[in-house]
PDB file of N, CA and C in Angstrom:
ATOM      1  N   MET A   1      -7.988  41.612  -2.193  1.00  0.00           N
ATOM      2  CA  MET A   1      -6.708  40.958  -1.962  1.00  0.00           C
ATOM      3  C   MET A   1      -6.929  39.813  -0.962  1.00  0.00           C
ATOM      4  N   PRO A   2      -6.396  38.631  -1.222  1.00  0.00           N
ATOM      5  CA  PRO A   2      -6.579  37.488  -0.315  1.00  0.00           C
ATOM      6  C   PRO A   2      -6.033  37.783   1.084  1.00  0.00           C
ATOM      7  N   VAL A   3      -6.744  37.286   2.079  1.00  0.00           N
ATOM      8  CA  VAL A   3      -6.399  37.586   3.467  1.00  0.00           C
ATOM      9  C   VAL A   3      -4.999  37.081   3.824  1.00  0.00           C
ATOM     10  N   TYR A   4      -4.596  35.932   3.290  1.00  0.00           N
ATOM     11  CA  TYR A   4      -3.258  35.433   3.614  1.00  0.00           C
ATOM     12  C   TYR A   4      -2.162  36.298   3.000  1.00  0.00           C
ATOM     13  N   LEU A   5      -2.419  36.896   1.870  1.00  0.00           N
ATOM     14  CA  LEU A   5      -1.446  37.816   1.275  1.00  0.00           C
ATOM     15  C   LEU A   5      -1.297  39.061   2.147  1.00  0.00           C
ATOM     16  N   ILE A   6      -2.415  39.566   2.624  1.00  0.00           N
ATOM     17  CA  ILE A   6      -2.377  40.737   3.522  1.00  0.00           C
ATOM     18  C   ILE A   6      -1.620  40.384   4.800  1.00  0.00           C
ATOM     19  N   LEU A   7      -1.887  39.208   5.353  1.00  0.00           N
ATOM     20  CA  LEU A   7      -1.186  38.776   6.561  1.00  0.00           C
ATOM     21  C   LEU A   7       0.309  38.611   6.290  1.00  0.00           C
ATOM     22  N   PHE A   8       0.655  38.044   5.142  1.00  0.00           N
ATOM     23  CA  PHE A   8       2.067  37.900   4.768  1.00  0.00           C
ATOM     24  C   PHE A   8       2.738  39.269   4.678  1.00  0.00           C
ATOM     25  N   LEU A   9       2.067  40.242   4.081  1.00  0.00           N
ATOM     26  CA  LEU A   9       2.630  41.596   3.991  1.00  0.00           C
ATOM     27  C   LEU A   9       2.790  42.220   5.377  1.00  0.00           C
ATOM     28  N   ALA A  10       1.850  41.934   6.280  1.00  0.00           N
ATOM     29  CA  ALA A  10       1.967  42.420   7.658  1.00  0.00           C
ATOM     30  C   ALA A  10       3.186  41.808   8.340  1.00  0.00           C
ATOM     31  N   VAL A  11       3.415  40.524   8.108  1.00  0.00           N
ATOM     32  CA  VAL A  11       4.592  39.852   8.677  1.00  0.00           C
ATOM     33  C   VAL A  11       5.871  40.456   8.105  1.00  0.00           C
ATOM     34  N   MET A  12       5.875  40.714   6.805  1.00  0.00           N
ATOM     35  CA  MET A  12       7.061  41.302   6.174  1.00  0.00           C
ATOM     36  C   MET A  12       7.347  42.695   6.752  1.00  0.00           C
ATOM     37  N   ALA A  13       6.293  43.504   6.932  1.00  0.00           N
ATOM     38  CA  ALA A  13       6.481  44.837   7.505  1.00  0.00           C
ATOM     39  C   ALA A  13       7.011  44.735   8.931  1.00  0.00           C
ATOM     40  N   GLU A  14       6.470  43.795   9.711  1.00  0.00           N
ATOM     41  CA  GLU A  14       6.938  43.615  11.084  1.00  0.00           C
ATOM     42  C   GLU A  14       8.385  43.153  11.102  1.00  0.00           C
ATOM     43  N   THR A  15       8.755  42.281  10.188  1.00  0.00           N
ATOM     44  CA  THR A  15      10.125  41.781  10.103  1.00  0.00           C
ATOM     45  C   THR A  15      11.093  42.908   9.737  1.00  0.00           C
ATOM     46  N   ILE A  16      10.693  43.733   8.805  1.00  0.00           N
ATOM     47  CA  ILE A  16      11.509  44.905   8.442  1.00  0.00           C
ATOM     48  C   ILE A  16      11.661  45.825   9.642  1.00  0.00           C
ATOM     49  N   GLY A  17      10.560  46.063  10.358  1.00  0.00           N
ATOM     50  CA  GLY A  17      10.609  46.939  11.531  1.00  0.00           C
ATOM     51  C   GLY A  17      11.508  46.403  12.630  1.00  0.00           C
ATOM     52  N   THR A  18      11.435  45.110  12.876  1.00  0.00           N
ATOM     53  CA  THR A  18      12.265  44.524  13.925  1.00  0.00           C
ATOM     54  C   THR A  18      13.734  44.494  13.524  1.00  0.00           C
ATOM     55  N   THR A  19      14.000  44.238  12.251  1.00  0.00           N
ATOM     56  CA  THR A  19      15.385  44.289  11.765  1.00  0.00           C
ATOM     57  C   THR A  19      15.932  45.709  11.890  1.00  0.00           C
ATOM     58  N   ALA A  20      15.102  46.690  11.542  1.00  0.00           N
ATOM     59  CA  ALA A  20      15.516  48.095  11.687  1.00  0.00           C
ATOM     60  C   ALA A  20      15.710  48.459  13.156  1.00  0.00           C
ATOM     61  N   LEU A  21      14.933  47.840  14.040  1.00  0.00           N
ATOM     62  CA  LEU A  21      15.093  48.089  15.471  1.00  0.00           C
ATOM     63  C   LEU A  21      16.491  47.683  15.927  1.00  0.00           C
ATOM     64  N   GLN A  22      16.955  46.535  15.469  1.00  0.00           N
ATOM     65  CA  GLN A  22      18.333  46.114  15.781  1.00  0.00           C
ATOM     66  C   GLN A  22      19.337  47.101  15.187  1.00  0.00           C
ATOM     67  N   ALA A  23      19.093  47.515  13.948  1.00  0.00           N
ATOM     68  CA  ALA A  23      20.020  48.428  13.260  1.00  0.00           C
ATOM     69  C   ALA A  23      19.980  49.844  13.823  1.00  0.00           C
ATOM     70  N   SER A  24      18.904  50.197  14.525  1.00  0.00           N
ATOM     71  CA  SER A  24      18.788  51.561  15.059  1.00  0.00           C
ATOM     72  C   SER A  24      19.728  51.812  16.236  1.00  0.00           C
ATOM     73  N   GLN A  25      20.298  50.741  16.785  1.00  0.00           N
ATOM     74  CA  GLN A  25      21.189  50.831  17.949  1.00  0.00           C
ATOM     75  C   GLN A  25      20.527  51.613  19.078  1.00  0.00           C
ATOM     76  N   GLN A  26      19.407  51.060  19.532  1.00  0.00           N
ATOM     77  CA  GLN A  26      18.618  51.629  20.624  1.00  0.00           C
ATOM     78  C   GLN A  26      18.128  53.044  20.294  1.00  0.00           C
ATOM     79  N   PHE A  27      17.657  53.224  19.068  1.00  0.00           N
ATOM     80  CA  PHE A  27      17.094  54.485  18.579  1.00  0.00           C
ATOM     81  C   PHE A  27      18.112  55.625  18.570  1.00  0.00           C
ATOM     82  N   THR A  28      19.381  55.309  18.384  1.00  0.00           N
ATOM     83  CA  THR A  28      20.400  56.363  18.288  1.00  0.00           C
ATOM     84  C   THR A  28      20.727  56.706  16.834  1.00  0.00           C
ATOM     85  N   ARG A  29      20.196  55.935  15.880  1.00  0.00           N
ATOM     86  CA  ARG A  29      20.394  56.203  14.451  1.00  0.00           C
ATOM     87  C   ARG A  29      19.039  56.561  13.845  1.00  0.00           C
ATOM     88  N   LEU A  30      18.951  57.742  13.230  1.00  0.00           N
ATOM     89  CA  LEU A  30      17.669  58.280  12.776  1.00  0.00           C
ATOM     90  C   LEU A  30      17.002  57.426  11.701  1.00  0.00           C
ATOM     91  N   GLY A  31      17.703  57.077  10.643  1.00  0.00           N
ATOM     92  CA  GLY A  31      17.090  56.345   9.536  1.00  0.00           C
ATOM     93  C   GLY A  31      16.421  55.050   9.964  1.00  0.00           C
ATOM     94  N   PRO A  32      17.165  54.142  10.614  1.00  0.00           N
ATOM     95  CA  PRO A  32      16.537  52.903  11.075  1.00  0.00           C
ATOM     96  C   PRO A  32      15.420  53.148  12.101  1.00  0.00           C
ATOM     97  N   SER A  33      15.554  54.181  12.920  1.00  0.00           N
ATOM     98  CA  SER A  33      14.528  54.481  13.912  1.00  0.00           C
ATOM     99  C   SER A  33      13.210  54.881  13.251  1.00  0.00           C
ATOM    100  N   VAL A  34      13.291  55.699  12.218  1.00  0.00           N
ATOM    101  CA  VAL A  34      12.088  56.092  11.469  1.00  0.00           C
ATOM    102  C   VAL A  34      11.485  54.868  10.787  1.00  0.00           C
ATOM    103  N   LEU A  35      12.337  54.020  10.231  1.00  0.00           N
ATOM    104  CA  LEU A  35      11.852  52.815   9.565  1.00  0.00           C
ATOM    105  C   LEU A  35      11.115  51.893  10.537  1.00  0.00           C
ATOM    106  N   VAL A  36      11.571  51.807  11.778  1.00  0.00           N
ATOM    107  CA  VAL A  36      10.887  51.007  12.795  1.00  0.00           C
ATOM    108  C   VAL A  36       9.441  51.469  12.935  1.00  0.00           C
ATOM    109  N   VAL A  37       9.239  52.760  13.118  1.00  0.00           N
ATOM    110  CA  VAL A  37       7.900  53.315  13.345  1.00  0.00           C
ATOM    111  C   VAL A  37       7.010  53.102  12.125  1.00  0.00           C
ATOM    112  N   VAL A  38       7.529  53.399  10.955  1.00  0.00           N
ATOM    113  CA  VAL A  38       6.739  53.257   9.722  1.00  0.00           C
ATOM    114  C   VAL A  38       6.391  51.795   9.473  1.00  0.00           C
ATOM    115  N   ALA A  39       7.362  50.915   9.601  1.00  0.00           N
ATOM    116  CA  ALA A  39       7.116  49.499   9.326  1.00  0.00           C
ATOM    117  C   ALA A  39       6.099  48.906  10.292  1.00  0.00           C
ATOM    118  N   TYR A  40       6.204  49.251  11.572  1.00  0.00           N
ATOM    119  CA  TYR A  40       5.217  48.741  12.529  1.00  0.00           C
ATOM    120  C   TYR A  40       3.833  49.338  12.280  1.00  0.00           C
ATOM    121  N   ALA A  41       3.753  50.596  11.896  1.00  0.00           N
ATOM    122  CA  ALA A  41       2.452  51.198  11.569  1.00  0.00           C
ATOM    123  C   ALA A  41       1.808  50.463  10.397  1.00  0.00           C
ATOM    124  N   VAL A  42       2.581  50.198   9.374  1.00  0.00           N
ATOM    125  CA  VAL A  42       2.063  49.455   8.211  1.00  0.00           C
ATOM    126  C   VAL A  42       1.636  48.052   8.639  1.00  0.00           C
ATOM    127  N   SER A  43       2.458  47.392   9.436  1.00  0.00           N
ATOM    128  CA  SER A  43       2.140  46.039   9.873  1.00  0.00           C
ATOM    129  C   SER A  43       0.827  46.000  10.656  1.00  0.00           C
ATOM    130  N   PHE A  44       0.655  46.906  11.602  1.00  0.00           N
ATOM    131  CA  PHE A  44      -0.570  46.912  12.400  1.00  0.00           C
ATOM    132  C   PHE A  44      -1.791  47.281  11.565  1.00  0.00           C
ATOM    133  N   TYR A  45      -1.629  48.163  10.603  1.00  0.00           N
ATOM    134  CA  TYR A  45      -2.741  48.490   9.709  1.00  0.00           C
ATOM    135  C   TYR A  45      -3.161  47.244   8.920  1.00  0.00           C
ATOM    136  N   LEU A  46      -2.182  46.544   8.357  1.00  0.00           N
ATOM    137  CA  LEU A  46      -2.497  45.340   7.600  1.00  0.00           C
ATOM    138  C   LEU A  46      -3.103  44.262   8.501  1.00  0.00           C
ATOM    139  N   LEU A  47      -2.617  44.149   9.725  1.00  0.00           N
ATOM    140  CA  LEU A  47      -3.218  43.209  10.670  1.00  0.00           C
ATOM    141  C   LEU A  47      -4.681  43.540  10.921  1.00  0.00           C
ATOM    142  N   SER A  48      -4.989  44.812  11.037  1.00  0.00           N
ATOM    143  CA  SER A  48      -6.381  45.208  11.288  1.00  0.00           C
ATOM    144  C   SER A  48      -7.288  44.784  10.138  1.00  0.00           C
ATOM    145  N   ILE A  49      -6.759  44.776   8.930  1.00  0.00           N
ATOM    146  CA  ILE A  49      -7.555  44.333   7.776  1.00  0.00           C
ATOM    147  C   ILE A  49      -7.828  42.830   7.865  1.00  0.00           C
ATOM    148  N   THR A  50      -6.829  42.055   8.272  1.00  0.00           N
ATOM    149  CA  THR A  50      -7.032  40.602   8.363  1.00  0.00           C
ATOM    150  C   THR A  50      -8.065  40.242   9.423  1.00  0.00           C
ATOM    151  N   LEU A  51      -8.215  41.099  10.422  1.00  0.00           N
ATOM    152  CA  LEU A  51      -9.163  40.810  11.499  1.00  0.00           C
ATOM    153  C   LEU A  51     -10.622  40.899  11.047  1.00  0.00           C
ATOM    154  N   ARG A  52     -10.851  41.408   9.841  1.00  0.00           N
ATOM    155  CA  ARG A  52     -12.215  41.426   9.299  1.00  0.00           C
ATOM    156  C   ARG A  52     -12.707  40.014   9.006  1.00  0.00           C
ATOM    157  N   THR A  53     -11.787  39.099   8.700  1.00  0.00           N
ATOM    158  CA  THR A  53     -12.197  37.759   8.276  1.00  0.00           C
ATOM    159  C   THR A  53     -11.589  36.627   9.098  1.00  0.00           C
ATOM    160  N   MET A  54     -10.633  36.930   9.956  1.00  0.00           N
ATOM    161  CA  MET A  54      -9.982  35.891  10.752  1.00  0.00           C
ATOM    162  C   MET A  54     -10.032  36.263  12.231  1.00  0.00           C
ATOM    163  N   PRO A  55     -10.119  35.278  13.127  1.00  0.00           N
ATOM    164  CA  PRO A  55     -10.111  35.563  14.559  1.00  0.00           C
ATOM    165  C   PRO A  55      -8.763  36.128  15.017  1.00  0.00           C
ATOM    166  N   VAL A  56      -8.800  37.001  15.984  1.00  0.00           N
ATOM    167  CA  VAL A  56      -7.595  37.682  16.455  1.00  0.00           C
ATOM    168  C   VAL A  56      -6.536  36.697  16.953  1.00  0.00           C
ATOM    169  N   GLY A  57      -6.941  35.624  17.614  1.00  0.00           N
ATOM    170  CA  GLY A  57      -5.975  34.655  18.122  1.00  0.00           C
ATOM    171  C   GLY A  57      -5.206  33.961  17.013  1.00  0.00           C
ATOM    172  N   VAL A  58      -5.911  33.614  15.943  1.00  0.00           N
ATOM    173  CA  VAL A  58      -5.268  32.958  14.811  1.00  0.00           C
ATOM    174  C   VAL A  58      -4.355  33.942  14.090  1.00  0.00           C
ATOM    175  N   VAL A  59      -4.845  35.149  13.862  1.00  0.00           N
ATOM    176  CA  VAL A  59      -4.039  36.173  13.186  1.00  0.00           C
ATOM    177  C   VAL A  59      -2.764  36.445  13.974  1.00  0.00           C
ATOM    178  N   TYR A  60      -2.891  36.630  15.273  1.00  0.00           N
ATOM    179  CA  TYR A  60      -1.720  36.948  16.084  1.00  0.00           C
ATOM    180  C   TYR A  60      -0.752  35.771  16.140  1.00  0.00           C
ATOM    181  N   ALA A  61      -1.275  34.552  16.238  1.00  0.00           N
ATOM    182  CA  ALA A  61      -0.398  33.380  16.267  1.00  0.00           C
ATOM    183  C   ALA A  61       0.404  33.275  14.975  1.00  0.00           C
ATOM    184  N   LEU A  62      -0.241  33.463  13.848  1.00  0.00           N
ATOM    185  CA  LEU A  62       0.463  33.382  12.566  1.00  0.00           C
ATOM    186  C   LEU A  62       1.442  34.535  12.401  1.00  0.00           C
ATOM    187  N   TRP A  63       1.000  35.752  12.721  1.00  0.00           N
ATOM    188  CA  TRP A  63       1.848  36.947  12.571  1.00  0.00           C
ATOM    189  C   TRP A  63       3.094  36.849  13.459  1.00  0.00           C
ATOM    190  N   SER A  64       2.870  36.537  14.719  1.00  0.00           N
ATOM    191  CA  SER A  64       4.019  36.503  15.636  1.00  0.00           C
ATOM    192  C   SER A  64       4.909  35.294  15.366  1.00  0.00           C
ATOM    193  N   GLY A  65       4.310  34.142  15.070  1.00  0.00           N
ATOM    194  CA  GLY A  65       5.107  32.951  14.810  1.00  0.00           C
ATOM    195  C   GLY A  65       5.984  33.090  13.580  1.00  0.00           C
ATOM    196  N   LEU A  66       5.395  33.552  12.489  1.00  0.00           N
ATOM    197  CA  LEU A  66       6.186  33.756  11.276  1.00  0.00           C
ATOM    198  C   LEU A  66       7.242  34.841  11.490  1.00  0.00           C
ATOM    199  N   GLY A  67       6.870  35.881  12.219  1.00  0.00           N
ATOM    200  CA  GLY A  67       7.833  36.940  12.524  1.00  0.00           C
ATOM    201  C   GLY A  67       9.015  36.429  13.326  1.00  0.00           C
ATOM    202  N   ILE A  68       8.746  35.568  14.297  1.00  0.00           N
ATOM    203  CA  ILE A  68       9.813  34.994  15.113  1.00  0.00           C
ATOM    204  C   ILE A  68      10.777  34.185  14.249  1.00  0.00           C
ATOM    205  N   ILE A  69      10.217  33.359  13.380  1.00  0.00           N
ATOM    206  CA  ILE A  69      11.054  32.527  12.509  1.00  0.00           C
ATOM    207  C   ILE A  69      11.918  33.405  11.604  1.00  0.00           C
ATOM    208  N   LEU A  70      11.306  34.401  10.985  1.00  0.00           N
ATOM    209  CA  LEU A  70      12.049  35.274  10.069  1.00  0.00           C
ATOM    210  C   LEU A  70      13.115  36.080  10.798  1.00  0.00           C
ATOM    211  N   ILE A  71      12.770  36.632  11.953  1.00  0.00           N
ATOM    212  CA  ILE A  71      13.736  37.439  12.712  1.00  0.00           C
ATOM    213  C   ILE A  71      14.885  36.571  13.224  1.00  0.00           C
ATOM    214  N   ALA A  72      14.589  35.356  13.679  1.00  0.00           N
ATOM    215  CA  ALA A  72      15.668  34.466  14.124  1.00  0.00           C
ATOM    216  C   ALA A  72      16.607  34.156  12.963  1.00  0.00           C
ATOM    217  N   THR A  73      16.039  33.954  11.791  1.00  0.00           N
ATOM    218  CA  THR A  73      16.865  33.674  10.607  1.00  0.00           C
ATOM    219  C   THR A  73      17.708  34.890  10.227  1.00  0.00           C
ATOM    220  N   ILE A  74      17.095  36.063  10.233  1.00  0.00           N
ATOM    221  CA  ILE A  74      17.830  37.295   9.919  1.00  0.00           C
ATOM    222  C   ILE A  74      18.914  37.552  10.965  1.00  0.00           C
ATOM    223  N   GLY A  75      18.586  37.333  12.231  1.00  0.00           N
ATOM    224  CA  GLY A  75      19.582  37.506  13.292  1.00  0.00           C
ATOM    225  C   GLY A  75      20.778  36.601  13.088  1.00  0.00           C
ATOM    226  N   TRP A  76      20.530  35.380  12.663  1.00  0.00           N
ATOM    227  CA  TRP A  76      21.603  34.414  12.417  1.00  0.00           C
ATOM    228  C   TRP A  76      22.424  34.790  11.189  1.00  0.00           C
ATOM    229  N   VAL A  77      21.734  35.105  10.067  1.00  0.00           N
ATOM    230  CA  VAL A  77      22.424  35.361   8.802  1.00  0.00           C
ATOM    231  C   VAL A  77      23.065  36.747   8.768  1.00  0.00           C
ATOM    232  N   VAL A  78      22.305  37.776   9.156  1.00  0.00           N
ATOM    233  CA  VAL A  78      22.764  39.160   8.996  1.00  0.00           C
ATOM    234  C   VAL A  78      23.597  39.631  10.186  1.00  0.00           C
ATOM    235  N   PHE A  79      23.139  39.322  11.398  1.00  0.00           N
ATOM    236  CA  PHE A  79      23.787  39.863  12.594  1.00  0.00           C
ATOM    237  C   PHE A  79      24.721  38.867  13.284  1.00  0.00           C
ATOM    238  N   GLY A  80      24.838  37.656  12.737  1.00  0.00           N
ATOM    239  CA  GLY A  80      25.750  36.671  13.297  1.00  0.00           C
ATOM    240  C   GLY A  80      25.353  36.147  14.661  1.00  0.00           C
ATOM    241  N   GLN A  81      24.073  36.192  14.991  1.00  0.00           N
ATOM    242  CA  GLN A  81      23.605  35.705  16.284  1.00  0.00           C
ATOM    243  C   GLN A  81      23.474  34.182  16.236  1.00  0.00           C
ATOM    244  N   LYS A  82      23.909  33.526  17.284  1.00  0.00           N
ATOM    245  CA  LYS A  82      23.936  32.064  17.329  1.00  0.00           C
ATOM    246  C   LYS A  82      22.596  31.499  17.794  1.00  0.00           C
ATOM    247  N   LEU A  83      22.252  30.340  17.265  1.00  0.00           N
ATOM    248  CA  LEU A  83      21.065  29.604  17.687  1.00  0.00           C
ATOM    249  C   LEU A  83      21.519  28.237  18.175  1.00  0.00           C
ATOM    250  N   ASP A  84      21.268  27.924  19.448  1.00  0.00           N
ATOM    251  CA  ASP A  84      21.653  26.624  19.974  1.00  0.00           C
ATOM    252  C   ASP A  84      20.536  25.601  19.710  1.00  0.00           C
ATOM    253  N   PHE A  85      20.751  24.371  20.157  1.00  0.00           N
ATOM    254  CA  PHE A  85      19.778  23.309  19.897  1.00  0.00           C
ATOM    255  C   PHE A  85      18.402  23.647  20.469  1.00  0.00           C
ATOM    256  N   ALA A  86      18.376  24.172  21.684  1.00  0.00           N
ATOM    257  CA  ALA A  86      17.086  24.504  22.306  1.00  0.00           C
ATOM    258  C   ALA A  86      16.339  25.564  21.490  1.00  0.00           C
ATOM    259  N   ALA A  87      17.070  26.562  20.995  1.00  0.00           N
ATOM    260  CA  ALA A  87      16.436  27.593  20.167  1.00  0.00           C
ATOM    261  C   ALA A  87      15.892  26.993  18.880  1.00  0.00           C
ATOM    262  N   LEU A  88      16.662  26.139  18.248  1.00  0.00           N
ATOM    263  CA  LEU A  88      16.206  25.501  17.011  1.00  0.00           C
ATOM    264  C   LEU A  88      15.007  24.587  17.258  1.00  0.00           C
ATOM    265  N   ALA A  89      15.025  23.878  18.382  1.00  0.00           N
ATOM    266  CA  ALA A  89      13.887  23.019  18.721  1.00  0.00           C
ATOM    267  C   ALA A  89      12.625  23.859  18.943  1.00  0.00           C
ATOM    268  N   GLY A  90      12.769  24.956  19.660  1.00  0.00           N
ATOM    269  CA  GLY A  90      11.626  25.841  19.891  1.00  0.00           C
ATOM    270  C   GLY A  90      11.097  26.451  18.611  1.00  0.00           C
ATOM    271  N   LEU A  91      11.996  26.883  17.739  1.00  0.00           N
ATOM    272  CA  LEU A  91      11.575  27.438  16.448  1.00  0.00           C
ATOM    273  C   LEU A  91      10.868  26.376  15.608  1.00  0.00           C
ATOM    274  N   SER A  92      11.333  25.148  15.690  1.00  0.00           N
ATOM    275  CA  SER A  92      10.679  24.053  14.970  1.00  0.00           C
ATOM    276  C   SER A  92       9.256  23.836  15.474  1.00  0.00           C
ATOM    277  N   MET A  93       9.064  23.954  16.778  1.00  0.00           N
ATOM    278  CA  MET A  93       7.713  23.808  17.346  1.00  0.00           C
ATOM    279  C   MET A  93       6.803  24.945  16.889  1.00  0.00           C
ATOM    280  N   ILE A  94       7.351  26.149  16.767  1.00  0.00           N
ATOM    281  CA  ILE A  94       6.558  27.264  16.259  1.00  0.00           C
ATOM    282  C   ILE A  94       6.117  26.980  14.827  1.00  0.00           C
ATOM    283  N   ILE A  95       7.032  26.486  14.004  1.00  0.00           N
ATOM    284  CA  ILE A  95       6.693  26.143  12.618  1.00  0.00           C
ATOM    285  C   ILE A  95       5.605  25.071  12.595  1.00  0.00           C
ATOM    286  N   ALA A  96       5.736  24.066  13.453  1.00  0.00           N
ATOM    287  CA  ALA A  96       4.722  23.007  13.517  1.00  0.00           C
ATOM    288  C   ALA A  96       3.367  23.581  13.937  1.00  0.00           C
ATOM    289  N   GLY A  97       3.377  24.499  14.891  1.00  0.00           N
ATOM    290  CA  GLY A  97       2.130  25.125  15.328  1.00  0.00           C
ATOM    291  C   GLY A  97       1.467  25.923  14.222  1.00  0.00           C
ATOM    292  N   ILE A  98       2.251  26.643  13.459  1.00  0.00           N
ATOM    293  CA  ILE A  98       1.723  27.407  12.328  1.00  0.00           C
ATOM    294  C   ILE A  98       1.108  26.452  11.301  1.00  0.00           C
ATOM    295  N   ALA A  99       1.791  25.352  11.037  1.00  0.00           N
ATOM    296  CA  ALA A  99       1.276  24.370  10.075  1.00  0.00           C
ATOM    297  C   ALA A  99      -0.041  23.771  10.554  1.00  0.00           C
ATOM    298  N   VAL A 100      -0.136  23.442  11.834  1.00  0.00           N
ATOM    299  CA  VAL A 100      -1.375  22.879  12.383  1.00  0.00           C
ATOM    300  C   VAL A 100      -2.527  23.870  12.236  1.00  0.00           C
ATOM    301  N   ILE A 101      -2.291  25.132  12.568  1.00  0.00           N
ATOM    302  CA  ILE A 101      -3.345  26.145  12.431  1.00  0.00           C
ATOM    303  C   ILE A 101      -3.777  26.258  10.982  1.00  0.00           C
ATOM    304  N   HIS A 102      -2.821  26.373  10.095  1.00  0.00           N
ATOM    305  CA  HIS A 102      -3.137  26.566   8.679  1.00  0.00           C
ATOM    306  C   HIS A 102      -3.834  25.348   8.073  1.00  0.00           C
ATOM    307  N   LEU A 103      -3.371  24.165   8.384  1.00  0.00           N
ATOM    308  CA  LEU A 103      -3.886  22.969   7.735  1.00  0.00           C
ATOM    309  C   LEU A 103      -5.151  22.404   8.366  1.00  0.00           C
ATOM    310  N   PHE A 104      -5.312  22.553   9.666  1.00  0.00           N
ATOM    311  CA  PHE A 104      -6.376  21.818  10.349  1.00  0.00           C
ATOM    312  C   PHE A 104      -7.406  22.674  11.084  1.00  0.00           C
ATOM    313  N   SER A 105      -7.133  23.936  11.336  1.00  0.00           N
ATOM    314  CA  SER A 105      -8.041  24.742  12.135  1.00  0.00           C
ATOM    315  C   SER A 105      -9.237  25.232  11.319  1.00  0.00           C
ATOM    316  N   ALA A 106     -10.410  25.046  11.863  1.00  0.00           N
ATOM    317  CA  ALA A 106     -11.629  25.568  11.224  1.00  0.00           C
ATOM    318  C   ALA A 106     -11.725  27.084  11.406  1.00  0.00           C
ATOM    319  N   ALA A 107     -10.938  27.645  12.326  1.00  0.00           N
ATOM    320  CA  ALA A 107     -10.960  29.089  12.564  1.00  0.00           C
ATOM    321  C   ALA A 107     -10.155  29.846  11.531  1.00  0.00           C
ATOM    322  N   SER A 108      -9.383  29.129  10.738  1.00  0.00           N
ATOM    323  CA  SER A 108      -8.525  29.742   9.730  1.00  0.00           C
ATOM    324  C   SER A 108      -9.126  29.511   8.352  1.00  0.00           C
ATOM    325  N   PRO A 109      -9.293  30.577   7.541  1.00  0.00           N
ATOM    326  CA  PRO A 109      -9.860  30.372   6.207  1.00  0.00           C
ATOM    327  C   PRO A 109      -8.900  29.590   5.312  1.00  0.00           C
ATOM    328  N   HIS A 110      -9.435  28.643   4.572  1.00  0.00           N
ATOM    329  CA  HIS A 110      -8.607  27.808   3.687  1.00  0.00           C
ATOM    330  C   HIS A 110      -8.987  28.040   2.251  1.00  0.00           C
TER     331      HIS A 110
END
């Protein structure tokens, strides 16, 4: 399986886990709380696979950056959380950083 697909699946699992964390209401709801643990376990397992071929700094930057973008979007759409100009500017810089790593870094497989 291509390393970027595995990394994408790790990001998706982390995004599901973080969304469930919000829905768990501070671990007072059993279903979302269990989903948090399972989703993060899957995410970290998949991350460990990507580390066979990619440096940890690049993997973590991509995983956390994409996760931040997805969670901010889910927070806005699903939970009605507001994003001001500064938040949008910061998220834009994260997207730019991810693009630079993917397109130009020799440490990232292309």
